[in-house]
Amino acid sequence: MAMRWFKRLWNIVRRLSGDDAYERYLAHWHEHHAHDGGQPLSQQAFFKAEQARKWNGVRRCC
């Protein structure tokens, strides 16, 4: 029981921190895009794309 509770808590922490983003991307890709052919991004390519998405175009005054 305690181990199941710990795993659930750990999954919540990973989701909130974004640590499980690649796993969620793969699940989404397999569910929605696998039938189109092709391959999902590698973990490294996914990380680079996410960093570019988050930080390119950031407009700050300071």
N, C-alpha and C. Protein backbone atom coordinates (compact mmCIF):
# COMPACT_ATOMS: atom_id res chain seq x y z
N MET A 1 0.83 -1.20 0.00
CA MET A 1 0.00 0.00 0.00
C MET A 1 0.86 1.25 0.00
N ALA A 2 1.87 1.28 0.88
CA ALA A 2 2.73 2.47 0.96
C ALA A 2 3.53 2.65 -0.32
N MET A 3 3.97 1.56 -0.93
CA MET A 3 4.73 1.66 -2.17
C MET A 3 3.87 2.22 -3.30
N ARG A 4 2.62 1.81 -3.38
CA ARG A 4 1.72 2.32 -4.39
C ARG A 4 1.47 3.81 -4.18
N TRP A 5 1.32 4.21 -2.94
CA TRP A 5 1.12 5.63 -2.63
C TRP A 5 2.36 6.43 -3.01
N PHE A 6 3.55 5.89 -2.71
CA PHE A 6 4.80 6.57 -3.06
C PHE A 6 4.94 6.71 -4.58
N LYS A 7 4.63 5.66 -5.32
CA LYS A 7 4.71 5.72 -6.79
C LYS A 7 3.75 6.76 -7.35
N ARG A 8 2.57 6.84 -6.81
CA ARG A 8 1.60 7.83 -7.26
C ARG A 8 2.10 9.24 -6.97
N LEU A 9 2.64 9.44 -5.78
CA LEU A 9 3.21 10.74 -5.42
C LEU A 9 4.38 11.09 -6.32
N TRP A 10 5.25 10.11 -6.58
CA TRP A 10 6.40 10.33 -7.44
C TRP A 10 5.95 10.71 -8.85
N ASN A 11 4.92 10.06 -9.38
CA ASN A 11 4.40 10.40 -10.71
C ASN A 11 3.84 11.81 -10.74
N ILE A 12 3.21 12.24 -9.68
CA ILE A 12 2.70 13.60 -9.60
C ILE A 12 3.84 14.60 -9.61
N VAL A 13 4.88 14.33 -8.85
CA VAL A 13 6.06 15.22 -8.81
C VAL A 13 6.71 15.29 -10.19
N ARG A 14 6.86 14.15 -10.85
CA ARG A 14 7.47 14.14 -12.19
C ARG A 14 6.63 14.93 -13.18
N ARG A 15 5.31 14.81 -13.07
CA ARG A 15 4.43 15.53 -14.01
C ARG A 15 4.50 17.03 -13.77
N LEU A 16 4.48 17.43 -12.51
CA LEU A 16 4.54 18.86 -12.19
C LEU A 16 5.87 19.49 -12.59
N SER A 17 6.95 18.72 -12.48
CA SER A 17 8.27 19.26 -12.81
C SER A 17 8.57 19.17 -14.31
N GLY A 18 7.78 18.41 -15.05
CA GLY A 18 8.02 18.24 -16.47
C GLY A 18 9.01 17.14 -16.78
N ASP A 19 9.41 16.39 -15.78
CA ASP A 19 10.38 15.33 -15.95
C ASP A 19 9.86 14.19 -16.82
N ASP A 20 8.56 14.02 -16.91
CA ASP A 20 7.99 12.94 -17.70
C ASP A 20 7.52 13.42 -19.08
N ALA A 21 7.99 14.57 -19.52
CA ALA A 21 7.52 15.15 -20.78
C ALA A 21 7.81 14.24 -21.97
N TYR A 22 8.98 13.62 -22.02
CA TYR A 22 9.30 12.76 -23.16
C TYR A 22 8.40 11.53 -23.17
N GLU A 23 8.15 10.94 -22.02
CA GLU A 23 7.27 9.78 -21.97
C GLU A 23 5.86 10.15 -22.41
N ARG A 24 5.39 11.33 -22.00
CA ARG A 24 4.06 11.78 -22.42
C ARG A 24 4.04 12.05 -23.93
N TYR A 25 5.14 12.62 -24.46
CA TYR A 25 5.25 12.85 -25.90
C TYR A 25 5.16 11.54 -26.66
N LEU A 26 5.91 10.52 -26.21
CA LEU A 26 5.87 9.23 -26.90
C LEU A 26 4.48 8.62 -26.88
N ALA A 27 3.81 8.68 -25.74
CA ALA A 27 2.46 8.14 -25.66
C ALA A 27 1.53 8.87 -26.62
N HIS A 28 1.64 10.20 -26.68
CA HIS A 28 0.81 10.98 -27.61
C HIS A 28 1.15 10.63 -29.05
N TRP A 29 2.44 10.53 -29.36
CA TRP A 29 2.86 10.24 -30.73
C TRP A 29 2.31 8.89 -31.17
N HIS A 30 2.43 7.87 -30.32
CA HIS A 30 1.95 6.54 -30.69
C HIS A 30 0.44 6.52 -30.83
N GLU A 31 -0.25 7.30 -30.04
CA GLU A 31 -1.72 7.31 -30.12
C GLU A 31 -2.23 8.09 -31.33
N HIS A 32 -1.57 9.19 -31.68
CA HIS A 32 -2.12 10.08 -32.70
C HIS A 32 -1.35 10.13 -34.01
N HIS A 33 -0.08 9.75 -34.04
CA HIS A 33 0.73 9.96 -35.24
C HIS A 33 1.42 8.72 -35.78
N ALA A 34 1.41 7.63 -35.06
CA ALA A 34 2.13 6.43 -35.50
C ALA A 34 1.56 5.88 -36.81
N HIS A 35 0.27 6.02 -37.02
CA HIS A 35 -0.35 5.49 -38.23
C HIS A 35 0.07 6.25 -39.49
N ASP A 36 0.64 7.46 -39.32
CA ASP A 36 1.11 8.25 -40.46
C ASP A 36 2.48 7.79 -40.95
N GLY A 37 3.11 6.91 -40.22
CA GLY A 37 4.46 6.47 -40.55
C GLY A 37 5.47 7.40 -39.89
N GLY A 38 6.72 7.17 -40.17
CA GLY A 38 7.76 7.99 -39.58
C GLY A 38 8.16 7.49 -38.21
N GLN A 39 9.01 8.25 -37.58
CA GLN A 39 9.52 7.89 -36.27
C GLN A 39 9.35 9.07 -35.32
N PRO A 40 9.14 8.80 -34.04
CA PRO A 40 9.09 9.90 -33.08
C PRO A 40 10.49 10.50 -32.91
N LEU A 41 10.55 11.69 -32.36
CA LEU A 41 11.83 12.33 -32.09
C LEU A 41 12.61 11.52 -31.06
N SER A 42 13.92 11.56 -31.18
CA SER A 42 14.75 10.95 -30.14
C SER A 42 14.63 11.82 -28.89
N GLN A 43 15.09 11.28 -27.78
CA GLN A 43 15.01 12.04 -26.53
C GLN A 43 15.82 13.34 -26.64
N GLN A 44 16.98 13.28 -27.27
CA GLN A 44 17.81 14.46 -27.41
C GLN A 44 17.15 15.49 -28.33
N ALA A 45 16.59 15.04 -29.45
CA ALA A 45 15.92 15.95 -30.37
C ALA A 45 14.68 16.57 -29.71
N PHE A 46 13.96 15.77 -28.94
CA PHE A 46 12.79 16.29 -28.24
C PHE A 46 13.20 17.37 -27.25
N PHE A 47 14.27 17.13 -26.50
CA PHE A 47 14.74 18.11 -25.52
C PHE A 47 15.13 19.42 -26.22
N LYS A 48 15.87 19.32 -27.33
CA LYS A 48 16.27 20.53 -28.06
C LYS A 48 15.05 21.28 -28.60
N ALA A 49 14.09 20.54 -29.12
CA ALA A 49 12.88 21.18 -29.66
C ALA A 49 12.09 21.87 -28.55
N GLU A 50 12.00 21.23 -27.39
CA GLU A 50 11.28 21.84 -26.26
C GLU A 50 11.98 23.10 -25.77
N GLN A 51 13.31 23.06 -25.71
CA GLN A 51 14.05 24.25 -25.29
C GLN A 51 13.84 25.38 -26.29
N ALA A 52 13.87 25.07 -27.57
CA ALA A 52 13.65 26.09 -28.59
C ALA A 52 12.23 26.65 -28.49
N ARG A 53 11.26 25.76 -28.28
CA ARG A 53 9.87 26.21 -28.17
C ARG A 53 9.69 27.14 -26.97
N LYS A 54 10.34 26.80 -25.86
CA LYS A 54 10.18 27.59 -24.65
C LYS A 54 10.91 28.92 -24.71
N TRP A 55 12.09 28.95 -25.33
CA TRP A 55 12.94 30.12 -25.19
C TRP A 55 13.10 30.96 -26.45
N ASN A 56 12.88 30.43 -27.64
CA ASN A 56 12.96 31.26 -28.84
C ASN A 56 11.75 32.16 -28.90
N GLY A 57 12.00 33.40 -29.15
CA GLY A 57 10.91 34.35 -29.23
C GLY A 57 10.51 34.95 -27.90
N VAL A 58 11.26 34.66 -26.84
CA VAL A 58 10.96 35.26 -25.55
C VAL A 58 11.28 36.74 -25.64
N ARG A 59 10.33 37.55 -25.33
CA ARG A 59 10.51 39.00 -25.41
C ARG A 59 10.37 39.56 -23.99
N ARG A 60 11.46 40.06 -23.52
CA ARG A 60 11.45 40.64 -22.17
C ARG A 60 11.99 42.06 -22.25
N CYS A 61 11.53 42.86 -21.37
CA CYS A 61 12.01 44.22 -21.36
C CYS A 61 13.33 44.36 -20.62
N CYS A 62 13.66 43.41 -19.77
CA CYS A 62 14.89 43.54 -18.96
C CYS A 62 15.75 42.33 -19.10
